[in-house]
Amino acid sequence: MTRRCFAFIGPSLAAGDRPELPGVAYRPPARHGDLFGLDLRRGDSVLIVDGLYQHVAPLRHKEILAALAGGVRIYGAASYGALRSAELADHGMVGVGRVAAGYRCGELTSDADVAVLHSDDEACRPFTIALVSLRTAARALAEVGRIDHAAADGVIAIGSALHYTERAPQALRAWAADANVGEAMDATLAELMAGRDIKRQDALEGLRRLGRGAGGTDALSATRWDSSFGAETAFEHAPVAASRVTGRRLLACLQVFASDYPERHRAYVYRMARASASGPGAGPVLASAGFDVPAVAAGRYAGRTRATEHWSREERVLVRTFRLPPGRCVYKNLPPEALGGRSLAEVLKYSADLMPPYPVERRLTGAALARLWGATTDEELLLSALERGFRDLNEAVAVGRTLDLSLDTSR
């Protein structure tokens, strides 16, 4: 199987400066879910240089740990990746370059040292200067005598006093002129504009290391880390039996179209809940989990729907609120209860036409799901989605967008 290489790079290395490396696919700055979205395989390699974190969920530690546990080499350099590599060095993430070393030894301690403001387009043009870049360039000029050490300290002090969103070259020059270190600031910025930027240099070194690591020279992590997001992603991509249908897609088809799926989901919930709670019935299960059964049953999750009129209030609450530890996933695999007593081959045959290989024009909207499930109000639609094992209505609608409304739904 071909090993793949990915590099998440943004403002630290301009697009025109990124070398064309065989087998390396460039990606924009990393955010939460990006590693899971790559469907990484053992032997793949990833370089993380830049990452987003202020206005979107950042790339979390557990996502990196899950990739490491799956036999993926993860490198971090220059910026966000350097910070993460220092935090996860003991778990197998490899730091590359001087910025990563600075975080590892404690010389750098804040994400603000590498942060920059940049454009929100594909180019990711930087508008401000990273403090680590300013500091390193000023000190290097002082070491060779091009500026004196006091002026270098003044340049660094100005950069440190400004928020990363305010550290634009024009602002730095204005502050430096007021502090009588204008020439030193000009020389420092000229160094950075000429490409002698520590973040740029480390990003290039990271790319060189990525190419070498793809050949297998770096040891893989032997630690196993699991997370809800990792389990969901594995379920999303793993095919069942010898088919090309994934377990998650087959489950989604059954959740949407099987008229008796609430009963199947209830059986699954009871089996999973009883594994961690003693006593028969929903009441003891809820009580052992810390629920006040009467209070919860009177809340929003106890209402009747067409499929659950014969259920007790406690059963409705349990089935609709069930989650697997640590609390996000409802399913991590395709359970036997979902098959409704049929063999996997029979279910695959039944479901084949319901699951086209690509999204079709006629899709199941929220209104279509309401008609399919007999929900007459928004509240009933939500409850119907929950009792079919969807985490929420948004998940049900997202699944519905990939399934064909025109097909037979009677089975």
Protein backbone atom coordinates (compact mmCIF):
# COMPACT_ATOMS: atom_id res chain seq x y z
CA MET A 1 0.00 0.00 0.00
CA THR A 2 1.34 3.41 -0.99
CA ARG A 3 2.37 5.59 1.90
CA ARG A 4 0.95 9.09 1.78
CA CYS A 5 2.39 12.37 3.04
CA PHE A 6 0.43 15.47 4.03
CA ALA A 7 1.68 18.90 5.08
CA PHE A 8 -0.56 21.47 6.80
CA ILE A 9 1.03 24.81 5.94
CA GLY A 10 -0.28 28.37 5.82
CA PRO A 11 1.34 31.73 6.54
CA SER A 12 4.66 30.29 7.77
CA LEU A 13 5.70 29.39 4.21
CA ALA A 14 4.27 31.20 1.20
CA ALA A 15 2.75 29.01 -1.51
CA GLY A 16 5.43 30.08 -3.99
CA ASP A 17 8.18 28.93 -1.61
CA ARG A 18 6.80 25.45 -1.06
CA PRO A 19 8.85 22.87 -2.94
CA GLU A 20 7.16 20.35 -5.18
CA LEU A 21 7.91 17.14 -3.34
CA PRO A 22 6.84 13.80 -4.84
CA GLY A 23 3.98 12.29 -2.88
CA VAL A 24 3.46 15.29 -0.57
CA ALA A 25 -0.04 16.79 -0.57
CA TYR A 26 -0.30 20.31 0.83
CA ARG A 27 -3.22 21.23 3.05
CA PRO A 28 -4.24 24.60 4.56
CA PRO A 29 -3.68 25.29 8.28
CA ALA A 30 -4.99 22.41 10.38
CA ARG A 31 -8.18 22.58 12.39
CA HIS A 32 -10.17 20.13 14.46
CA GLY A 33 -11.17 17.06 12.45
CA ASP A 34 -8.61 17.46 9.67
CA LEU A 35 -6.56 14.39 10.59
CA PHE A 36 -9.65 12.24 10.97
CA GLY A 37 -10.87 13.53 7.62
CA LEU A 38 -7.76 12.21 5.85
CA ASP A 39 -8.62 8.61 6.74
CA LEU A 40 -4.96 8.07 7.67
CA ARG A 41 -3.42 4.62 7.40
CA ARG A 42 -0.45 3.00 9.07
CA GLY A 43 2.76 4.26 7.50
CA ASP A 44 1.37 7.61 6.38
CA SER A 45 3.22 10.76 7.43
CA VAL A 46 1.90 14.19 8.39
CA LEU A 47 3.69 17.48 8.93
CA ILE A 48 1.83 20.11 10.93
CA VAL A 49 3.24 23.61 10.55
CA ASP A 50 0.28 25.98 10.86
CA GLY A 51 -3.06 25.58 12.60
CA LEU A 52 -6.22 27.60 13.20
CA TYR A 53 -7.51 28.12 16.71
CA GLN A 54 -9.10 31.47 17.42
CA HIS A 55 -12.33 31.36 15.40
CA VAL A 56 -12.63 27.58 14.87
CA ALA A 57 -11.98 24.53 17.01
CA PRO A 58 -8.24 23.77 17.00
CA LEU A 59 -6.59 20.49 16.13
CA ARG A 60 -6.82 18.70 19.47
CA HIS A 61 -4.24 16.57 21.18
CA LYS A 62 -6.41 13.44 21.11
CA GLU A 63 -6.73 13.64 17.35
CA ILE A 64 -2.94 13.62 16.99
CA LEU A 65 -2.64 10.85 19.57
CA ALA A 66 -5.19 8.73 17.71
CA ALA A 67 -3.19 9.12 14.50
CA LEU A 68 0.04 8.22 16.27
CA ALA A 69 -1.61 5.17 17.77
CA GLY A 70 -2.69 4.12 14.29
CA GLY A 71 0.89 3.99 13.04
CA VAL A 72 1.06 7.46 11.46
CA ARG A 73 4.21 9.56 11.75
CA ILE A 74 3.39 13.09 12.89
CA TYR A 75 5.90 15.95 12.66
CA GLY A 76 5.52 19.45 14.00
CA ALA A 77 7.53 22.50 13.00
CA ALA A 78 7.74 26.30 12.93
CA SER A 79 4.42 27.33 14.44
CA TYR A 80 1.33 25.56 15.81
CA GLY A 81 2.89 22.21 14.95
CA ALA A 82 6.02 23.07 16.91
CA LEU A 83 3.94 23.82 19.99
CA ARG A 84 1.99 20.55 19.70
CA SER A 85 5.17 18.57 19.11
CA ALA A 86 6.63 19.77 22.40
CA GLU A 87 3.45 18.84 24.26
CA LEU A 88 3.27 15.39 22.66
CA ALA A 89 6.96 14.55 22.27
CA ASP A 90 6.73 11.80 24.88
CA HIS A 91 3.91 10.18 22.89
CA GLY A 92 5.69 9.97 19.56
CA MET A 93 5.18 13.32 17.82
CA VAL A 94 8.46 14.56 16.35
CA GLY A 95 9.46 18.20 16.65
CA VAL A 96 11.55 19.65 13.84
CA GLY A 97 13.59 22.86 13.91
CA ARG A 98 14.56 25.56 16.37
CA VAL A 99 11.04 26.72 17.25
CA ALA A 100 10.06 23.20 18.28
CA ALA A 101 13.28 22.92 20.30
CA GLY A 102 12.48 26.24 21.98
CA TYR A 103 9.10 24.96 23.13
CA ARG A 104 10.61 21.65 24.18
CA CYS A 105 13.25 23.23 26.43
CA GLY A 106 10.96 25.94 27.84
CA GLU A 107 12.51 28.93 26.10
CA LEU A 108 9.15 29.41 24.37
CA THR A 109 6.03 28.96 26.49
CA SER A 110 3.10 30.68 24.78
CA ASP A 111 1.19 30.11 21.56
CA ALA A 112 1.35 33.89 21.17
CA ASP A 113 5.07 33.53 20.35
CA VAL A 114 4.24 32.04 16.93
CA ALA A 115 0.78 33.47 16.24
CA VAL A 116 0.14 35.79 13.29
CA LEU A 117 -2.90 37.41 11.73
CA HIS A 118 -3.37 36.22 8.15
CA SER A 119 -5.87 36.26 5.31
CA ASP A 120 -8.72 33.77 5.27
CA ASP A 121 -8.16 32.64 1.71
CA GLU A 122 -6.08 29.89 0.18
CA ALA A 123 -2.97 32.07 0.12
CA CYS A 124 -3.01 32.66 3.91
CA ARG A 125 -1.05 35.89 3.49
CA PRO A 126 0.43 37.03 6.83
CA PHE A 127 -0.50 40.53 7.94
CA THR A 128 1.57 40.58 11.13
CA ILE A 129 4.96 39.36 12.32
CA ALA A 130 5.38 36.48 14.77
CA LEU A 131 7.19 37.42 17.97
CA VAL A 132 9.55 34.45 17.64
CA SER A 133 10.52 35.68 14.16
CA LEU A 134 11.15 39.24 15.34
CA ARG A 135 13.08 38.09 18.40
CA THR A 136 15.30 35.61 16.55
CA ALA A 137 16.14 38.02 13.71
CA ALA A 138 16.97 40.91 16.07
CA ARG A 139 19.24 38.73 18.20
CA ALA A 140 20.99 37.33 15.12
CA LEU A 141 21.72 40.86 13.84
CA ALA A 142 23.09 41.84 17.25
CA GLU A 143 25.36 38.80 17.35
CA VAL A 144 27.06 39.80 14.10
CA GLY A 145 27.26 43.47 15.08
CA ARG A 146 24.81 44.88 12.56
CA ILE A 147 22.74 46.40 15.39
CA ASP A 148 23.76 46.82 18.99
CA HIS A 149 22.34 44.62 21.72
CA ALA A 150 20.44 47.44 23.41
CA ALA A 151 18.65 48.24 20.14
CA ALA A 152 17.84 44.54 19.65
CA ASP A 153 16.34 44.46 23.14
CA GLY A 154 14.26 47.52 22.23
CA VAL A 155 12.95 45.83 19.08
CA ILE A 156 12.02 42.73 21.06
CA ALA A 157 10.34 44.77 23.80
CA ILE A 158 8.14 46.53 21.24
CA GLY A 159 7.08 43.24 19.69
CA SER A 160 6.37 41.72 23.11
CA ALA A 161 4.15 44.64 24.10
CA LEU A 162 1.87 44.27 21.09
CA HIS A 163 -0.87 41.69 20.60
CA TYR A 164 -0.15 39.36 17.71
CA THR A 165 -2.97 40.96 15.69
CA GLU A 166 -1.33 44.39 16.10
CA ARG A 167 2.23 43.41 15.15
CA ALA A 168 2.03 44.65 11.54
CA PRO A 169 5.26 46.04 10.01
CA GLN A 170 3.84 49.56 9.85
CA ALA A 171 2.91 49.48 13.54
CA LEU A 172 6.29 48.07 14.52
CA ARG A 173 8.08 50.83 12.62
CA ALA A 174 5.93 53.54 14.21
CA TRP A 175 6.55 52.25 17.72
CA ALA A 176 10.26 51.79 17.00
CA ALA A 177 10.59 55.38 15.78
CA ASP A 178 9.07 56.64 19.02
CA ALA A 179 11.52 54.47 20.99
CA ASN A 180 14.55 55.61 18.96
CA VAL A 181 15.24 52.12 17.58
CA GLY A 182 13.83 52.76 14.12
CA GLU A 183 17.00 51.72 12.25
CA ALA A 184 17.24 48.49 14.22
CA MET A 185 13.60 47.69 13.49
CA ASP A 186 14.07 48.41 9.78
CA ALA A 187 17.08 46.08 9.66
CA THR A 188 15.19 43.35 11.49
CA LEU A 189 12.17 43.55 9.21
CA ALA A 190 14.44 43.58 6.15
CA GLU A 191 15.96 40.29 7.33
CA LEU A 192 12.54 38.75 7.60
CA MET A 193 11.40 40.04 4.22
CA ALA A 194 14.56 38.54 2.69
CA GLY A 195 13.46 35.08 3.84
CA ARG A 196 15.67 34.81 6.91
CA ASP A 197 12.69 34.02 9.11
CA ILE A 198 13.01 31.20 11.62
CA LYS A 199 9.46 30.02 10.94
CA ARG A 200 10.07 29.82 7.20
CA GLN A 201 13.36 27.98 7.72
CA ASP A 202 11.81 25.50 10.14
CA ALA A 203 8.88 24.86 7.79
CA LEU A 204 11.31 23.97 5.01
CA GLU A 205 13.24 21.71 7.35
CA GLY A 206 9.98 20.06 8.35
CA LEU A 207 9.22 19.31 4.70
CA ARG A 208 12.66 17.75 4.25
CA ARG A 209 12.07 15.62 7.34
CA LEU A 210 8.62 14.65 6.08
CA GLY A 211 10.15 13.27 2.90
CA ARG A 212 12.75 11.30 4.82
CA GLY A 213 10.20 10.00 7.34
CA ALA A 214 8.01 8.62 4.58
CA GLY A 215 10.80 6.14 3.93
CA GLY A 216 10.44 4.67 7.38
CA THR A 217 13.44 6.13 9.23
CA ASP A 218 11.42 7.35 12.23
CA ALA A 219 9.97 4.92 14.77
CA LEU A 220 6.21 4.63 15.05
CA SER A 221 4.40 5.19 18.33
CA ALA A 222 3.47 2.01 20.19
CA THR A 223 0.98 3.77 22.47
CA ARG A 224 -2.73 3.15 21.94
CA TRP A 225 -5.02 6.16 22.32
CA ASP A 226 -8.75 6.08 21.73
CA SER A 227 -11.24 8.92 21.45
CA SER A 228 -14.88 9.34 20.50
CA PHE A 229 -13.97 11.23 17.35
CA GLY A 230 -11.46 8.55 16.39
CA ALA A 231 -14.02 5.80 16.88
CA GLU A 232 -16.58 7.71 14.81
CA THR A 233 -14.11 8.21 11.99
CA ALA A 234 -13.06 4.55 11.94
CA PHE A 235 -16.73 3.54 11.79
CA GLU A 236 -17.35 6.07 9.03
CA HIS A 237 -14.62 4.64 6.79
CA ALA A 238 -14.53 0.91 7.56
CA PRO A 239 -16.38 -1.25 4.97
CA VAL A 240 -18.50 -4.21 6.09
CA ALA A 241 -17.81 -7.74 4.87
CA ALA A 242 -16.49 -7.74 1.30
CA SER A 243 -18.62 -4.79 0.21
CA ARG A 244 -17.68 -1.19 -0.44
CA VAL A 245 -20.46 -0.04 1.89
CA THR A 246 -19.23 1.32 5.21
CA GLY A 247 -20.77 0.20 8.47
CA ARG A 248 -21.86 3.75 9.25
CA ARG A 249 -23.61 4.17 5.92
CA LEU A 250 -25.41 0.85 6.26
CA LEU A 251 -26.50 1.78 9.78
CA ALA A 252 -27.70 5.19 8.58
CA CYS A 253 -29.83 3.56 5.89
CA LEU A 254 -31.46 1.29 8.47
CA GLN A 255 -31.96 4.16 10.91
CA VAL A 256 -33.78 6.21 8.30
CA PHE A 257 -35.79 3.62 6.37
CA ALA A 258 -36.48 0.64 8.66
CA SER A 259 -39.96 1.27 10.06
CA ASP A 260 -39.21 -0.73 13.20
CA TYR A 261 -35.81 0.81 13.86
CA PRO A 262 -36.82 2.41 17.20
CA GLU A 263 -37.44 -1.13 18.51
CA ARG A 264 -34.05 -2.25 17.24
CA HIS A 265 -32.40 0.76 18.82
CA ARG A 266 -34.18 0.12 22.12
CA ALA A 267 -32.85 -3.46 22.17
CA TYR A 268 -29.32 -2.16 21.52
CA VAL A 269 -29.59 0.46 24.26
CA TYR A 270 -30.83 -2.07 26.80
CA ARG A 271 -27.96 -4.44 26.07
CA MET A 272 -25.35 -1.69 26.35
CA ALA A 273 -26.93 -0.10 29.43
CA ARG A 274 -27.31 -3.39 31.27
CA ALA A 275 -23.62 -4.05 30.81
CA SER A 276 -22.95 -1.21 33.24
CA ALA A 277 -26.04 -1.28 35.46
CA SER A 278 -27.72 -3.97 37.53
CA GLY A 279 -31.39 -4.85 37.60
CA PRO A 280 -33.99 -5.32 34.86
CA GLY A 281 -35.89 -2.54 33.14
CA ALA A 282 -35.16 1.09 32.39
CA GLY A 283 -35.82 2.44 35.88
CA PRO A 284 -32.81 0.82 37.58
CA VAL A 285 -30.59 1.69 34.62
CA LEU A 286 -31.54 5.36 34.83
CA ALA A 287 -31.26 5.45 38.61
CA SER A 288 -27.80 3.88 38.59
CA ALA A 289 -26.70 6.55 36.13
CA GLY A 290 -27.78 9.30 38.50
CA PHE A 291 -31.07 10.22 36.81
CA ASP A 292 -34.08 11.40 38.76
CA VAL A 293 -36.49 9.28 36.75
CA PRO A 294 -39.75 11.16 37.46
CA ALA A 295 -38.16 14.56 36.83
CA VAL A 296 -36.48 13.48 33.62
CA ALA A 297 -39.57 11.66 32.39
CA ALA A 298 -41.54 14.87 32.73
CA GLY A 299 -39.02 16.72 30.57
CA ARG A 300 -38.60 17.07 26.85
CA TYR A 301 -37.41 13.51 26.16
CA ALA A 302 -40.47 11.65 27.44
CA GLY A 303 -43.04 12.68 24.83
CA ARG A 304 -44.91 10.10 22.77
CA THR A 305 -44.35 9.49 19.08
CA ARG A 306 -46.07 7.11 16.70
CA ALA A 307 -43.31 4.53 17.20
CA THR A 308 -43.15 4.75 21.02
CA GLU A 309 -46.75 5.03 22.21
CA HIS A 310 -46.48 1.64 23.92
CA TRP A 311 -43.21 2.48 25.68
CA SER A 312 -43.04 3.69 29.25
CA ARG A 313 -41.89 7.23 29.93
CA GLU A 314 -38.68 5.84 31.44
CA GLU A 315 -37.97 3.81 28.32
CA ARG A 316 -38.39 6.84 26.09
CA VAL A 317 -35.99 8.85 28.22
CA LEU A 318 -33.37 6.12 28.36
CA VAL A 319 -33.40 5.31 24.66
CA ARG A 320 -33.36 8.94 23.53
CA THR A 321 -30.59 10.07 25.84
CA PHE A 322 -28.30 7.05 25.62
CA ARG A 323 -24.65 7.74 24.81
CA LEU A 324 -21.54 5.59 24.99
CA PRO A 325 -18.77 6.78 27.32
CA PRO A 326 -17.37 9.41 27.37
CA GLY A 327 -20.68 10.77 26.14
CA ARG A 328 -20.63 11.68 22.45
CA CYS A 329 -21.17 8.50 20.43
CA VAL A 330 -24.40 6.53 20.22
CA TYR A 331 -22.84 3.85 18.01
CA LYS A 332 -19.22 2.92 17.40
CA ASN A 333 -19.97 -0.07 15.20
CA LEU A 334 -22.81 -1.92 13.50
CA PRO A 335 -24.51 -3.93 16.29
CA PRO A 336 -26.51 -7.13 15.70
CA GLU A 337 -29.70 -5.42 16.90
CA ALA A 338 -29.55 -3.01 13.96
CA LEU A 339 -29.82 -5.91 11.49
CA GLY A 340 -33.25 -6.85 12.84
CA GLY A 341 -32.59 -10.60 12.87
CA ARG A 342 -31.37 -10.71 9.26
CA SER A 343 -27.95 -11.80 8.15
CA LEU A 344 -25.47 -9.16 7.09
CA ALA A 345 -25.67 -10.43 3.51
CA GLU A 346 -29.45 -10.06 3.50
CA VAL A 347 -29.27 -6.54 4.87
CA LEU A 348 -26.61 -5.56 2.36
CA LYS A 349 -28.76 -6.87 -0.47
CA TYR A 350 -31.81 -5.01 0.83
CA SER A 351 -29.84 -1.80 1.33
CA ALA A 352 -27.79 -1.74 -1.86
CA ASP A 353 -30.27 0.33 -3.84
CA LEU A 354 -30.88 2.68 -0.93
CA MET A 355 -27.24 3.73 -0.80
CA PRO A 356 -25.99 5.13 -4.11
CA PRO A 357 -22.23 5.62 -4.33
CA TYR A 358 -22.64 9.40 -4.54
CA PRO A 359 -25.19 11.98 -3.35
CA VAL A 360 -28.26 12.11 -5.56
CA GLU A 361 -30.47 15.01 -6.55
CA ARG A 362 -33.48 13.97 -4.49
CA ARG A 363 -32.41 14.09 -0.86
CA LEU A 364 -34.13 13.59 2.46
CA THR A 365 -34.68 16.97 4.07
CA GLY A 366 -35.98 17.50 7.59
CA ALA A 367 -39.51 17.85 6.24
CA ALA A 368 -39.14 14.60 4.30
CA LEU A 369 -37.92 12.79 7.41
CA ALA A 370 -40.92 14.11 9.31
CA ARG A 371 -43.28 12.62 6.69
CA LEU A 372 -41.36 9.35 6.62
CA TRP A 373 -41.48 8.95 10.41
CA GLY A 374 -44.97 10.38 10.93
CA ALA A 375 -43.79 13.36 12.97
CA THR A 376 -46.33 16.18 12.95
CA THR A 377 -44.41 18.75 15.01
CA ASP A 378 -40.79 19.87 15.35
CA GLU A 379 -40.67 18.29 18.81
CA GLU A 380 -41.86 14.95 17.45
CA LEU A 381 -39.28 15.10 14.67
CA LEU A 382 -36.47 15.59 17.19
CA LEU A 383 -37.74 12.76 19.38
CA SER A 384 -38.09 10.50 16.35
CA ALA A 385 -34.49 11.15 15.38
CA LEU A 386 -33.25 10.42 18.90
CA GLU A 387 -35.18 7.16 19.25
CA ARG A 388 -33.64 5.99 15.99
CA GLY A 389 -30.17 6.41 17.43
CA PHE A 390 -29.16 9.70 15.89
CA ARG A 391 -27.22 11.99 18.19
CA ASP A 392 -29.46 14.91 17.24
CA LEU A 393 -31.65 16.13 14.42
CA ASN A 394 -28.72 17.72 12.60
CA GLU A 395 -27.05 14.33 12.25
CA ALA A 396 -30.26 12.78 10.93
CA VAL A 397 -30.67 15.53 8.33
CA ALA A 398 -27.00 15.28 7.31
CA VAL A 399 -27.44 11.54 6.74
CA GLY A 400 -30.67 12.16 4.88
CA ARG A 401 -28.90 14.36 2.37
CA THR A 402 -26.98 11.33 1.11
CA LEU A 403 -29.97 8.97 0.76
CA ASP A 404 -32.49 8.85 -2.09
CA LEU A 405 -36.05 9.88 -1.21
CA SER A 406 -37.57 8.19 -4.25
CA LEU A 407 -36.74 4.64 -3.19
CA ASP A 408 -38.99 2.09 -1.52
CA THR A 409 -39.27 2.71 2.24
CA SER A 410 -41.76 -0.01 3.16
CA ARG A 411 -39.34 -2.60 4.51
